Amino acid sequence: MKHAGGTQDASNTQGGPMLSKDGLPGWLGPVARVAETVEPLQLSRFLPPANGAGRQSAVLILFGEGPRGPELLLMERAGTLRSHAGQPSFPGGALDPEDGDPTADGPLNAALREAEEETGLDPSGVQLFGVLPKLYIPVSRFVVTPVLGWWRRPTPVGVVDPGETARVFTVPVVDLTDPANRATTVHPSGHRGPAFLVESALVWGFTAGVIDKILHFAGWERPWDREKQVPLDWRA
């Protein structure tokens, strides 16, 4: 795995990825501060079990700059997968033994490795600058570490394995903050959660929840109608 760009704030002895805030664009400053200050329960009521149960995993929350300004990289999971089939999501997945210590650099390695495998991006163009608290997805029993990245040197991305990924796309942050694109989904269990209708996709569940909290705590959120509901085609 190649080093991320910038001066290192933290590193490991295996030559793996590092965290650095050096050289970030000014607009990413609020997101970097979220990583430093947010508490786990401010992000989600679903936190890792105290007994250590759950499969360790990581996702890459990758910010870049596109024709319409700041944007996020997302993908749509293949409809044939056993869990979260067909859902838009961040690139990511379970930690492999070679990723390293789940309490240290393992999530950084896994986030970049999975993103490369799923979207084809070149990890050497990604600068990791923060890590959010670990969260939990009860339906799949994943303990997820959200890893924040800056797409310093963008490279082409697309579907690598159609068996895992149906689509790879970017979403302008301006569309995510547009009140017209925001809504609430109601799960069959009765759980309500934020959703985004962007790029011909309904972003909901864990991914939408994390985006919602980042927008809120970074000060980017605009008032939106929380009573607006959209049907949820639940397949996970």
Protein backbone atom coordinates (compact mmCIF):
# COMPACT_ATOMS: atom_id res chain seq x y z
CA MET A 1 0.00 0.00 0.00
CA LYS A 2 1.44 3.38 -0.96
CA HIS A 3 1.81 6.32 1.39
CA ALA A 4 -0.84 9.02 1.36
CA GLY A 5 0.39 12.47 0.42
CA GLY A 6 1.45 15.19 2.86
CA THR A 7 3.49 15.34 6.03
CA GLN A 8 2.73 12.54 8.43
CA ASP A 9 0.82 13.10 11.68
CA ALA A 10 0.76 9.37 12.34
CA SER A 11 2.39 6.41 10.67
CA ASN A 12 3.05 2.75 11.12
CA THR A 13 6.20 0.68 10.91
CA GLN A 14 4.99 -1.30 7.89
CA GLY A 15 5.08 1.61 5.44
CA GLY A 16 1.31 1.82 5.27
CA PRO A 17 -1.02 4.81 4.98
CA MET A 18 -0.72 7.77 7.31
CA LEU A 19 -3.00 10.51 8.60
CA SER A 20 -2.17 14.09 7.65
CA LYS A 21 -4.08 17.36 7.57
CA ASP A 22 -1.28 19.19 5.78
CA GLY A 23 -2.30 20.87 2.55
CA LEU A 24 -6.02 20.19 2.83
CA PRO A 25 -8.25 22.70 1.00
CA GLY A 26 -9.82 25.20 3.36
CA TRP A 27 -13.33 23.90 2.81
CA LEU A 28 -12.34 20.54 4.33
CA GLY A 29 -11.29 22.19 7.60
CA PRO A 30 -14.75 21.78 9.20
CA VAL A 31 -14.78 18.07 8.33
CA ALA A 32 -11.32 17.57 9.84
CA ARG A 33 -12.56 19.26 13.02
CA VAL A 34 -15.55 16.90 13.14
CA ALA A 35 -13.15 13.96 13.28
CA GLU A 36 -11.34 15.58 16.21
CA THR A 37 -14.38 16.55 18.29
CA VAL A 38 -17.44 14.39 17.52
CA GLU A 39 -18.57 11.85 20.10
CA PRO A 40 -19.77 8.36 19.05
CA LEU A 41 -23.37 8.91 20.21
CA GLN A 42 -23.50 12.14 18.22
CA LEU A 43 -23.04 10.04 15.08
CA SER A 44 -25.33 7.10 15.80
CA ARG A 45 -27.23 5.30 18.53
CA PHE A 46 -25.83 2.05 17.10
CA LEU A 47 -22.39 1.60 18.67
CA PRO A 48 -20.10 -1.46 18.77
CA PRO A 49 -21.10 -4.10 21.35
CA ALA A 50 -19.26 -3.76 24.63
CA ASN A 51 -18.31 -7.45 24.52
CA GLY A 52 -16.25 -6.93 21.37
CA ALA A 53 -18.62 -8.84 19.09
CA GLY A 54 -18.94 -7.88 15.45
CA ARG A 55 -16.77 -8.04 12.36
CA GLN A 56 -14.23 -5.24 12.05
CA SER A 57 -14.57 -3.21 8.85
CA ALA A 58 -13.83 0.21 7.40
CA VAL A 59 -15.24 2.58 4.81
CA LEU A 60 -13.55 5.37 2.88
CA ILE A 61 -15.36 8.72 2.94
CA LEU A 62 -13.51 10.33 0.06
CA PHE A 63 -13.91 14.03 -0.71
CA GLY A 64 -12.76 15.43 -4.03
CA GLU A 65 -13.32 18.49 -6.19
CA GLY A 66 -15.41 18.24 -9.34
CA PRO A 67 -16.94 20.61 -11.89
CA ARG A 68 -19.55 21.71 -9.33
CA GLY A 69 -17.23 21.98 -6.35
CA PRO A 70 -16.67 19.55 -3.47
CA GLU A 71 -18.01 16.05 -4.01
CA LEU A 72 -18.15 12.60 -2.41
CA LEU A 73 -17.30 9.24 -3.97
CA LEU A 74 -20.04 6.63 -3.64
CA MET A 75 -20.82 3.26 -5.18
CA GLU A 76 -23.88 1.10 -5.57
CA ARG A 77 -23.55 -2.42 -4.27
CA ALA A 78 -24.46 -5.29 -6.59
CA GLY A 79 -28.03 -6.53 -6.23
CA THR A 80 -26.85 -10.12 -5.79
CA LEU A 81 -24.91 -9.53 -2.55
CA ARG A 82 -26.10 -11.18 0.65
CA SER A 83 -26.12 -7.99 2.73
CA HIS A 84 -27.05 -4.42 1.79
CA ALA A 85 -27.70 -5.52 -1.79
CA GLY A 86 -28.33 -2.69 -4.24
CA GLN A 87 -27.63 0.04 -1.70
CA PRO A 88 -25.50 3.10 -2.43
CA SER A 89 -22.59 3.12 -0.02
CA PHE A 90 -19.09 4.31 0.69
CA PRO A 91 -16.37 2.02 -0.66
CA GLY A 92 -15.30 -0.35 2.09
CA GLY A 93 -15.55 -3.76 3.66
CA ALA A 94 -14.21 -6.14 6.27
CA LEU A 95 -10.65 -6.01 7.51
CA ASP A 96 -8.35 -8.77 6.27
CA PRO A 97 -5.56 -10.15 8.48
CA GLU A 98 -2.95 -8.44 6.30
CA ASP A 99 -4.57 -5.03 6.95
CA GLY A 100 -3.08 -4.99 10.42
CA ASP A 101 -4.26 -4.10 13.90
CA PRO A 102 -8.00 -3.12 13.99
CA THR A 103 -7.18 -0.64 16.76
CA ALA A 104 -4.34 1.02 14.86
CA ASP A 105 -3.63 1.18 11.12
CA GLY A 106 -5.88 -1.73 10.10
CA PRO A 107 -8.91 0.41 9.20
CA LEU A 108 -6.74 2.81 7.14
CA ASN A 109 -5.29 -0.07 5.15
CA ALA A 110 -8.67 -1.73 4.71
CA ALA A 111 -10.43 1.46 3.58
CA LEU A 112 -7.87 2.08 0.84
CA ARG A 113 -7.62 -1.58 -0.19
CA GLU A 114 -11.37 -2.02 -0.47
CA ALA A 115 -11.78 1.27 -2.35
CA GLU A 116 -9.14 0.18 -4.84
CA GLU A 117 -10.77 -3.24 -5.27
CA GLU A 118 -14.28 -1.85 -5.66
CA THR A 119 -13.75 1.37 -7.63
CA GLY A 120 -10.28 1.06 -9.16
CA LEU A 121 -9.00 4.28 -7.62
CA ASP A 122 -5.26 4.70 -7.12
CA PRO A 123 -4.60 4.86 -3.33
CA SER A 124 -1.45 6.92 -3.90
CA GLY A 125 -3.67 9.86 -4.86
CA VAL A 126 -5.60 9.75 -1.58
CA GLN A 127 -4.58 11.67 1.55
CA LEU A 128 -6.18 10.28 4.69
CA PHE A 129 -6.82 13.06 7.18
CA GLY A 130 -9.12 11.73 9.89
CA VAL A 131 -11.01 8.85 11.44
CA LEU A 132 -14.51 8.97 12.91
CA PRO A 133 -15.57 6.87 15.93
CA LYS A 134 -16.38 3.23 15.29
CA LEU A 135 -20.06 2.57 14.56
CA TYR A 136 -22.19 -0.57 14.32
CA ILE A 137 -24.53 -1.95 11.65
CA PRO A 138 -26.82 -4.40 13.50
CA VAL A 139 -28.25 -6.08 10.38
CA SER A 140 -24.82 -7.22 9.17
CA ARG A 141 -23.00 -7.08 12.54
CA PHE A 142 -20.20 -4.96 11.12
CA VAL A 143 -18.17 -2.71 13.40
CA VAL A 144 -17.32 0.11 10.99
CA THR A 145 -14.51 2.65 11.16
CA PRO A 146 -15.25 5.61 8.84
CA VAL A 147 -11.95 6.87 7.38
CA LEU A 148 -11.87 10.39 5.92
CA GLY A 149 -9.87 11.05 2.77
CA TRP A 150 -8.99 13.91 0.42
CA TRP A 151 -8.72 12.95 -3.26
CA ARG A 152 -5.58 14.96 -3.79
CA ARG A 153 -4.79 13.41 -7.18
CA PRO A 154 -8.00 12.01 -8.72
CA THR A 155 -7.74 8.96 -10.94
CA PRO A 156 -10.35 7.25 -13.11
CA VAL A 157 -12.82 5.06 -11.20
CA GLY A 158 -15.47 2.58 -12.26
CA VAL A 159 -16.87 -0.88 -11.65
CA VAL A 160 -14.07 -3.41 -11.12
CA ASP A 161 -16.12 -6.51 -10.25
CA PRO A 162 -19.80 -6.47 -11.32
CA GLY A 163 -20.39 -9.19 -8.75
CA GLU A 164 -19.67 -6.66 -5.99
CA THR A 165 -20.37 -3.26 -7.49
CA ALA A 166 -23.14 -2.11 -9.82
CA ARG A 167 -22.07 1.51 -10.22
CA VAL A 168 -19.44 4.02 -9.07
CA PHE A 169 -20.32 7.70 -8.99
CA THR A 170 -19.59 11.04 -7.35
CA VAL A 171 -22.14 13.33 -5.71
CA PRO A 172 -21.60 17.09 -5.42
CA VAL A 173 -21.87 18.24 -1.81
CA VAL A 174 -24.11 21.07 -3.03
CA ASP A 175 -26.65 18.41 -4.06
CA LEU A 176 -26.39 16.65 -0.70
CA THR A 177 -27.13 19.91 1.10
CA ASP A 178 -30.00 20.89 -1.23
CA PRO A 179 -33.23 20.62 0.82
CA ALA A 180 -35.06 19.44 -2.31
CA ASN A 181 -32.90 16.29 -2.32
CA ARG A 182 -33.43 15.40 1.32
CA ALA A 183 -36.07 13.16 2.83
CA THR A 184 -36.78 10.63 5.58
CA THR A 185 -37.09 6.89 5.05
CA VAL A 186 -39.10 4.61 7.31
CA HIS A 187 -37.74 1.10 7.70
CA PRO A 188 -40.22 -1.80 7.96
CA SER A 189 -39.09 -2.04 11.60
CA GLY A 190 -40.34 1.51 12.13
CA HIS A 191 -36.87 3.06 12.34
CA ARG A 192 -36.70 6.46 10.67
CA GLY A 193 -33.54 7.77 9.06
CA PRO A 194 -32.25 10.49 6.73
CA ALA A 195 -32.05 9.93 3.00
CA PHE A 196 -30.70 11.70 -0.06
CA LEU A 197 -32.17 11.52 -3.57
CA VAL A 198 -29.12 12.21 -5.73
CA GLU A 199 -27.60 10.92 -8.97
CA SER A 200 -30.67 8.73 -9.69
CA ALA A 201 -30.12 6.96 -6.39
CA LEU A 202 -31.74 6.80 -2.97
CA VAL A 203 -28.93 7.00 -0.41
CA TRP A 204 -30.21 5.72 2.94
CA GLY A 205 -29.25 3.59 5.92
CA PHE A 206 -25.76 3.72 7.43
CA THR A 207 -24.28 5.75 4.56
CA ALA A 208 -26.97 8.43 4.66
CA GLY A 209 -26.74 8.60 8.44
CA VAL A 210 -23.02 9.31 8.37
CA ILE A 211 -23.36 11.89 5.57
CA ASP A 212 -26.18 13.57 7.48
CA LYS A 213 -24.04 13.89 10.62
CA ILE A 214 -20.99 15.15 8.73
CA LEU A 215 -23.08 17.85 7.04
CA HIS A 216 -24.60 18.83 10.38
CA PHE A 217 -21.45 18.98 12.49
CA ALA A 218 -19.39 20.59 9.70
CA GLY A 219 -21.94 23.40 9.56
CA TRP A 220 -22.95 22.62 5.97
CA GLU A 221 -26.51 21.48 6.65
CA ARG A 222 -29.40 23.56 5.31
CA PRO A 223 -32.91 23.39 6.82
CA TRP A 224 -34.94 20.62 5.21
CA ASP A 225 -38.37 19.06 5.58
CA ARG A 226 -37.98 16.08 7.90
CA GLU A 227 -41.62 15.13 7.37
CA LYS A 228 -41.02 14.44 3.68
CA GLN A 229 -40.92 10.66 3.30
CA VAL A 230 -39.82 8.42 0.45
CA PRO A 231 -40.70 4.74 -0.05
CA LEU A 232 -37.98 2.35 1.03
CA ASP A 233 -37.33 -0.62 -1.22
CA TRP A 234 -35.73 -2.68 1.54
CA ARG A 235 -33.63 -5.60 0.35
CA ALA A 236 -30.94 -5.85 3.04
